[in-house]
């Protein structure tokens, strides 16, 4: 809803191509990460009424969930429910959220905490990638800079508010089985955690003036690290 509120046009370049799904099935860690990525992409697609594409991405999720042995999560029944509720974004969001939680619970019950952690990491980084990407690509020649920043401020605040979540992601990845991919992603998230700490925008706002308007320049460091992590995840 925040994305829609900016009035930004849909940006196809912010979603991961579903054509890449087959290259993830040969690597379990990548399959888990990109199951999370595609789930976040479905949220973005449905918010812009890209219904057929969202269904295609659900099919990609089914391919990855089958590969991971997540029996009965992304199944024909879910696709049918998704199609029936295609005009109701709230229903679609609830359906997707419930399915992802079922997937995570299944993995935890099956003692696959590493895969569960990677699904969460993939979904989290894709959400940040879409938010920072939208801010970065928002047109600069339509509105005065102050007005542009005001429109984007709610979305910028969402990005900044993820500071605590990034730290939780680091802790979660530290407790997972340390495969090569998990270790690399964990270190990337540590870098992102440091970038948030160094920005310290909340302290700046408190010490200067409460009405300070955020600027996308404040988010350049975070955006760059997020892009690096997302490239590793989806590449």
Protein backbone atom coordinates (compact mmCIF):
# COMPACT_ATOMS: atom_id res chain seq x y z
CA UNK A 1 0.00 0.00 0.00
CA UNK A 2 2.88 2.38 0.72
CA UNK A 3 4.33 1.61 -2.69
CA UNK A 4 1.01 2.44 -4.33
CA UNK A 5 0.67 5.63 -2.29
CA UNK A 6 3.80 7.05 -3.92
CA UNK A 7 1.99 7.03 -7.27
CA UNK A 8 5.03 5.36 -8.84
CA UNK A 9 4.43 3.32 -11.95
CA UNK A 10 5.03 -0.42 -11.81
CA UNK A 11 8.71 -1.22 -12.43
CA UNK A 12 9.23 -4.66 -13.99
CA UNK A 13 12.96 -4.34 -13.33
CA UNK A 14 12.38 -4.64 -9.57
CA UNK A 15 11.13 -8.24 -9.69
CA UNK A 16 13.33 -11.27 -10.20
CA UNK A 17 12.68 -12.99 -13.53
CA UNK A 18 10.65 -16.17 -13.04
CA UNK A 19 12.51 -17.60 -16.04
CA UNK A 20 15.47 -18.11 -13.69
CA UNK A 21 13.60 -20.62 -11.52
CA UNK A 22 15.21 -23.69 -13.11
CA UNK A 23 18.72 -22.49 -12.27
CA UNK A 24 17.82 -22.46 -8.57
CA UNK A 25 16.49 -26.03 -8.34
CA UNK A 26 19.98 -27.54 -8.51
CA UNK A 27 21.08 -25.67 -5.37
CA UNK A 28 18.94 -26.12 -2.26
CA UNK A 29 20.08 -22.93 -0.51
CA UNK A 30 19.37 -20.86 -3.63
CA UNK A 31 15.96 -22.53 -3.99
CA UNK A 32 15.06 -21.50 -0.42
CA UNK A 33 16.32 -17.93 -0.84
CA UNK A 34 14.43 -17.42 -4.08
CA UNK A 35 11.23 -18.97 -2.78
CA UNK A 36 11.30 -15.99 -0.41
CA UNK A 37 12.22 -13.61 -3.23
CA UNK A 38 9.37 -14.75 -5.46
CA UNK A 39 6.88 -14.53 -2.58
CA UNK A 40 7.84 -10.87 -2.05
CA UNK A 41 7.56 -10.29 -5.81
CA UNK A 42 4.01 -11.68 -5.77
CA UNK A 43 3.12 -9.05 -3.18
CA UNK A 44 4.49 -6.31 -5.43
CA UNK A 45 2.74 -7.71 -8.52
CA UNK A 46 -0.65 -8.00 -6.83
CA UNK A 47 -0.44 -4.45 -5.50
CA UNK A 48 -0.35 -3.30 -9.13
CA UNK A 49 -3.06 -5.72 -10.31
CA UNK A 50 -0.55 -7.78 -12.31
CA UNK A 51 -2.74 -10.79 -11.67
CA UNK A 52 -1.64 -13.20 -14.39
CA UNK A 53 2.00 -12.51 -13.63
CA UNK A 54 1.34 -13.12 -9.93
CA UNK A 55 -0.15 -16.52 -10.78
CA UNK A 56 2.89 -17.31 -12.96
CA UNK A 57 5.12 -16.44 -10.00
CA UNK A 58 3.04 -18.70 -7.75
CA UNK A 59 3.81 -21.50 -10.20
CA UNK A 60 7.52 -20.67 -9.87
CA UNK A 61 7.12 -20.85 -6.07
CA UNK A 62 5.52 -24.28 -6.47
CA UNK A 63 8.53 -25.46 -8.49
CA UNK A 64 10.89 -24.36 -5.72
CA UNK A 65 8.73 -25.62 -2.85
CA UNK A 66 8.43 -29.03 -4.53
CA UNK A 67 12.21 -29.05 -4.96
CA UNK A 68 12.58 -28.32 -1.23
CA UNK A 69 10.13 -31.06 -0.30
CA UNK A 70 7.47 -28.68 1.04
CA UNK A 71 4.54 -30.98 0.36
CA UNK A 72 1.12 -29.37 -0.07
CA UNK A 73 2.06 -25.71 0.43
CA UNK A 74 2.10 -24.18 -3.05
CA UNK A 75 -0.42 -26.64 -4.52
CA UNK A 76 -3.32 -26.63 -6.98
CA UNK A 77 -5.75 -25.65 -4.22
CA UNK A 78 -3.76 -22.50 -3.44
CA UNK A 79 -3.62 -21.54 -7.13
CA UNK A 80 -7.39 -22.01 -7.38
CA UNK A 81 -8.01 -19.85 -4.28
CA UNK A 82 -5.63 -17.22 -5.63
CA UNK A 83 -7.50 -17.05 -8.94
CA UNK A 84 -10.88 -16.84 -7.20
CA UNK A 85 -9.72 -13.91 -5.06
CA UNK A 86 -7.72 -12.21 -7.79
CA UNK A 87 -9.62 -8.90 -7.46
CA UNK A 88 -9.27 -8.74 -3.67
CA UNK A 89 -5.77 -7.65 -2.66
CA UNK A 90 -6.39 -8.15 1.06
CA UNK A 91 -7.47 -11.75 0.49
CA UNK A 92 -4.45 -12.41 -1.72
CA UNK A 93 -2.12 -10.97 0.91
CA UNK A 94 -3.64 -13.19 3.60
CA UNK A 95 -3.40 -16.25 1.36
CA UNK A 96 0.24 -15.62 0.56
CA UNK A 97 1.11 -14.81 4.17
CA UNK A 98 -0.56 -17.98 5.44
CA UNK A 99 1.18 -20.12 2.82
CA UNK A 100 4.60 -18.72 3.69
CA UNK A 101 3.99 -19.34 7.40
CA UNK A 102 2.90 -22.91 6.65
CA UNK A 103 6.09 -23.40 4.64
CA UNK A 104 8.23 -22.10 7.49
CA UNK A 105 6.42 -24.23 10.06
CA UNK A 106 6.85 -27.31 7.88
CA UNK A 107 10.57 -26.67 7.58
CA UNK A 108 10.95 -26.13 11.32
CA UNK A 109 9.00 -29.31 12.09
CA UNK A 110 11.23 -31.18 9.65
CA UNK A 111 14.31 -29.74 11.40
CA UNK A 112 15.25 -27.63 8.40
CA UNK A 113 15.93 -24.37 10.22
CA UNK A 114 18.63 -23.41 7.73
CA UNK A 115 16.17 -23.48 4.83
CA UNK A 116 13.53 -21.65 6.85
CA UNK A 117 16.06 -18.91 7.65
CA UNK A 118 17.01 -18.59 3.99
CA UNK A 119 13.37 -18.25 2.88
CA UNK A 120 12.92 -15.40 5.38
CA UNK A 121 16.21 -13.79 4.29
CA UNK A 122 15.22 -13.96 0.61
CA UNK A 123 11.81 -12.45 1.22
CA UNK A 124 13.22 -9.72 3.49
CA UNK A 125 15.95 -8.62 1.08
CA UNK A 126 13.56 -8.58 -1.88
CA UNK A 127 11.15 -6.36 0.03
CA UNK A 128 13.99 -3.95 0.83
CA UNK A 129 15.23 -4.14 -2.75
CA UNK A 130 11.82 -3.18 -4.14
CA UNK A 131 11.43 -0.31 -1.63
CA UNK A 132 14.92 1.14 -2.13
CA UNK A 133 14.73 0.54 -5.88
CA UNK A 134 11.49 2.45 -6.12
CA UNK A 135 12.95 5.35 -4.16
CA UNK A 136 16.09 5.34 -6.30
CA UNK A 137 14.19 5.24 -9.62
CA UNK A 138 11.39 7.64 -8.68
CA UNK A 139 11.36 10.43 -11.33
CA UNK A 140 13.42 13.47 -10.39
CA UNK A 141 12.19 15.81 -13.14
CA UNK A 142 8.44 15.90 -12.41
CA UNK A 143 8.23 17.48 -8.95
CA UNK A 144 10.41 19.88 -6.96
CA UNK A 145 12.84 17.96 -4.74
CA UNK A 146 11.03 18.88 -1.50
CA UNK A 147 7.70 17.63 -2.84
CA UNK A 148 9.32 14.47 -4.17
CA UNK A 149 10.88 13.76 -0.80
CA UNK A 150 7.56 14.33 0.98
CA UNK A 151 5.86 11.75 -1.24
CA UNK A 152 8.63 9.23 -0.64
CA UNK A 153 9.07 9.91 3.10
CA UNK A 154 6.66 7.14 4.29
CA UNK A 155 8.51 4.59 2.17
CA UNK A 156 11.91 5.92 3.31
CA UNK A 157 10.79 5.58 6.92
CA UNK A 158 9.79 1.95 6.30
CA UNK A 159 13.31 1.29 4.98
CA UNK A 160 14.91 3.03 7.97
CA UNK A 161 12.63 1.18 10.40
CA UNK A 162 14.15 -2.14 9.28
CA UNK A 163 17.29 -1.46 11.33
CA UNK A 164 16.15 -3.74 14.15
CA UNK A 165 14.94 -6.39 11.72
CA UNK A 166 18.34 -6.48 10.00
CA UNK A 167 19.97 -7.20 13.37
CA UNK A 168 17.44 -9.99 13.99
CA UNK A 169 18.26 -11.42 10.54
CA UNK A 170 21.96 -11.54 11.49
CA UNK A 171 21.15 -13.42 14.71
CA UNK A 172 18.89 -15.85 12.85
CA UNK A 173 21.52 -16.61 10.21
CA UNK A 174 24.18 -17.07 12.91
CA UNK A 175 22.15 -19.91 14.44
CA UNK A 176 21.59 -21.68 11.10
CA UNK A 177 23.82 -24.41 9.70
CA UNK A 178 26.80 -22.59 8.18
CA UNK A 179 26.93 -23.64 4.56
CA UNK A 180 28.93 -21.50 2.13
CA UNK A 181 25.79 -19.58 1.08
CA UNK A 182 24.52 -19.03 4.63
CA UNK A 183 27.91 -17.69 5.74
CA UNK A 184 28.11 -15.33 2.76
CA UNK A 185 24.57 -14.02 3.28
CA UNK A 186 25.19 -13.65 7.03
CA UNK A 187 28.28 -11.50 6.37
CA UNK A 188 26.33 -9.42 3.84
CA UNK A 189 23.64 -8.77 6.45
CA UNK A 190 26.33 -7.77 8.96
CA UNK A 191 27.56 -5.19 6.47
CA UNK A 192 23.99 -3.94 6.07
CA UNK A 193 23.64 -3.78 9.86
CA UNK A 194 26.79 -1.61 10.09
CA UNK A 195 25.49 0.64 7.30
CA UNK A 196 22.29 1.25 9.27
CA UNK A 197 24.27 2.02 12.43
CA UNK A 198 26.58 4.45 10.64
CA UNK A 199 23.66 6.31 9.06
CA UNK A 200 22.14 7.07 12.47
CA UNK A 201 19.38 9.11 10.86
CA UNK A 202 17.08 8.90 13.90
CA UNK A 203 19.70 10.65 16.06
CA UNK A 204 20.24 13.29 13.37
CA UNK A 205 16.54 14.06 13.22
CA UNK A 206 16.29 14.25 17.03
CA UNK A 207 19.31 16.55 17.38
CA UNK A 208 18.47 18.88 14.51
CA UNK A 209 14.78 19.44 13.89
CA UNK A 210 11.77 17.18 14.09
CA UNK A 211 10.42 18.30 10.73
CA UNK A 212 13.56 17.27 8.85
CA UNK A 213 12.51 15.89 5.48
CA UNK A 214 14.25 12.69 4.52
CA UNK A 215 16.11 12.53 1.25
CA UNK A 216 16.96 9.54 -0.90
CA UNK A 217 20.60 10.65 -0.52
CA UNK A 218 20.32 9.40 3.09
CA UNK A 219 19.60 5.92 1.79
CA UNK A 220 22.37 5.56 -0.81
CA UNK A 221 24.56 3.39 1.44
CA UNK A 222 21.70 1.08 2.40
CA UNK A 223 20.55 0.87 -1.23
CA UNK A 224 24.02 -0.12 -2.44
CA UNK A 225 24.40 -2.92 0.13
CA UNK A 226 20.88 -4.20 -0.53
CA UNK A 227 21.63 -4.33 -4.26
CA UNK A 228 24.79 -6.34 -3.58
CA UNK A 229 22.96 -8.87 -1.39
CA UNK A 230 20.11 -9.20 -3.85
CA UNK A 231 22.56 -9.87 -6.68
CA UNK A 232 24.14 -12.68 -4.67
CA UNK A 233 20.74 -14.16 -3.83
CA UNK A 234 19.25 -14.08 -7.34
CA UNK A 235 22.39 -14.42 -9.47
